[in-house]
Protein backbone atom coordinates (compact mmCIF):
# COMPACT_ATOMS: atom_id res chain seq x y z
CA MET A 1 18.26 23.47 -6.27
CA GLY A 2 14.62 25.24 -4.86
CA GLU A 3 13.24 24.99 -1.40
CA LYS A 4 12.09 21.24 -0.86
CA LEU A 5 8.38 20.77 -0.67
CA TRP A 6 8.77 19.67 3.18
CA GLU A 7 10.71 22.76 4.05
CA LYS A 8 7.88 24.74 1.83
CA MET A 9 5.51 23.13 4.41
CA GLN A 10 7.28 24.01 7.16
CA LYS A 11 7.02 27.79 6.63
CA THR A 12 3.33 27.16 5.89
CA ALA A 13 3.10 25.65 9.47
CA ASP A 14 4.16 28.85 10.88
CA VAL A 15 1.97 30.70 9.07
CA LEU A 16 -1.22 28.32 10.70
CA HIS A 17 0.59 28.87 14.40
CA TRP A 18 0.36 32.55 13.55
CA LEU A 19 -3.44 32.10 12.44
CA GLY A 20 -4.27 30.09 15.60
CA LYS A 21 -4.72 27.03 13.60
CA TYR A 22 -2.73 24.81 15.98
CA GLN A 23 -4.27 21.11 14.91
CA GLU A 24 -4.02 21.97 11.30
CA ARG A 25 -0.18 23.19 11.90
CA ASP A 26 0.56 19.94 13.63
CA ALA A 27 -0.81 17.89 10.55
CA ILE A 28 1.49 20.07 8.54
CA ILE A 29 4.70 19.45 10.47
CA LEU A 30 3.57 15.87 10.60
CA ALA A 31 3.50 15.50 6.92
CA SER A 32 6.30 17.31 6.27
CA ARG A 33 8.54 15.31 9.18
CA LEU A 34 7.39 12.37 7.14
CA MET A 35 8.54 13.32 3.72
CA ARG A 36 11.64 14.57 5.11
CA ALA A 37 12.50 11.05 6.47
CA LYS A 38 11.34 9.33 3.20
CA GLY A 39 13.31 11.65 1.11
CA ILE A 40 10.60 13.62 -0.53
CA GLU A 41 11.80 16.42 -2.08
CA GLU A 42 8.78 17.27 -4.78
CA MET A 43 5.15 17.20 -5.17
CA ASP A 44 5.03 14.37 -7.78
CA GLU A 45 6.84 12.34 -5.13
CA TRP A 46 4.77 13.26 -2.45
CA GLU A 47 1.62 12.40 -4.61
CA ASN A 48 3.20 8.58 -5.96
CA PHE A 49 3.97 7.69 -2.38
CA VAL A 50 0.51 8.68 -1.16
CA THR A 51 -1.20 6.78 -3.68
CA SER A 52 1.17 3.95 -3.30
CA GLN A 53 0.07 3.96 0.55
CA GLU A 54 -3.21 4.15 -0.42
CA LYS A 55 -3.14 1.09 -2.98
CA LEU A 56 -1.73 -0.80 -0.03
CA PHE A 57 -4.18 0.12 2.65
CA VAL A 58 -7.04 -1.32 -0.21
CA ALA A 59 -5.32 -4.51 -0.83
CA GLN A 60 -4.75 -5.27 2.78
CA GLY A 61 -8.49 -5.02 2.66
CA LYS A 62 -8.10 -2.23 5.63
CA GLY A 63 -11.32 -0.61 3.76
CA HIS A 64 -11.59 2.89 1.38
CA ASP A 65 -13.17 6.10 2.06
CA GLY A 66 -14.50 5.98 -1.53
CA ALA A 67 -12.37 9.05 -2.64
């Protein structure tokens, strides 16, 4: 089995650190940690998770940004 998506994102975070993009690096690290905690390994799983969370957010009446 190949690399998990969150593992690839950790490597991306390393590059962002090297480029001095610290806030962006931290955001990538937090997203990759959430993926690992949720057992998300592939892009389609990540997309499904994010979509379900967006729908839940809207259903709870917390607003929508128009995206």
